[in-house]
Amino acid sequence: MKQELTETALNDADRSMLQKLPGLLRTVDEYAVMKARRMPIDHPFWEHAKREGFFGLFVPDTYGGNRMSKTGLSKLLQRVASVST
């Protein structure tokens, strides 16, 4: 029996985080990070990620998170993995 896979529609949290992603990625200078082999604690990336809710992707809304669906999170990670600044 062949199982058909269907893509789940994106929810509001998914769309919101996917729209915020380019701004987060613009804070990173890939060459500088690779050269230093670390992301300094005072790097603008961390503040931007905090402000835009990227640390709450797995936290339910009832606890102040911004939980994404599995489809949304997959799309977000695909976009992050495909970017080289």
Foldseek 3Di string as FASTA:
>chain_A
DDDDDDQDDWDPLLVLVVVLLVVLVVQDDPVVCVVVVHQDPPRVSVVSCVVSQVVQCCPDVVVPHSHTDPNSVVVSVVVVVVDDD
